Amino acid sequence: MSATESLGYAAALLTTLSFVPQAVLTFRTRRTEGVSLGMYSAYTLGIFLWLLYGIGLGMWPIIIANTITFVLAAAILVMKLRFRG
């Protein structure tokens, strides 16, 4: 593995892990009052586009990190819409 690829995996790991506590808290409490619908909609779409970009380049750090983050962000967005908090 090259140094650049290692850097990509490290960045992907840190950015994805930093999102997990918020996702877990939202899943546990089902509280979404502090979640902006507009921001989360744009964020989720942005993550999806990063995922497509990673797929297009065949860059596994981008693909893995954005797949995980997309699933978590989409789940929170669905809860925001469902619970209207």
Foldseek 3Di string as FASTA:
>chain_A
DDPVLVVLLVVLVVVLVVCVVVLVVCVVPLDCPVPDLVVLVVVLVVLVVQLVVCVVVVRVSSNVSSVSVNVSSVVSSVSCVVVVD
